[in-house]
Amino acid sequence: MKRMLIVEDLKAGPDDAIEASLTPAQMKRIVGGRAVLATVDGRGYATIDDWDANLAIFEGRIKGSERDN
C-alpha cells in the first residue's frame, strides 16, 4: 500500500489539475518548518528541516531517536 499525506484545508479547484505549485495565498497559509541540529548515525551533526524529518518518521523512511527524552 502506498502511503500518502492529505492536507484537507488546501482545497483544489478545477484549474489545479494541471498546476503543480501552490499559489502565493496558499503558501502564506503554510506555517511551521524550522532548522534543527541532528546527529547523523551517532557520528556527526547536520542541520535539517524538522518538517522533512517528522514526515520521514511518519512515513517510516527513518526511525526516531532511540533515547528516552
Foldseek 3Di string as FASTA:
>chain_A
DDDDDDDPPDDDDPVCPPPDDDDPVVVVPDDAWDWDWDQDVVPDIDTDIVVVVVVCCVRVVDPDDPDDD
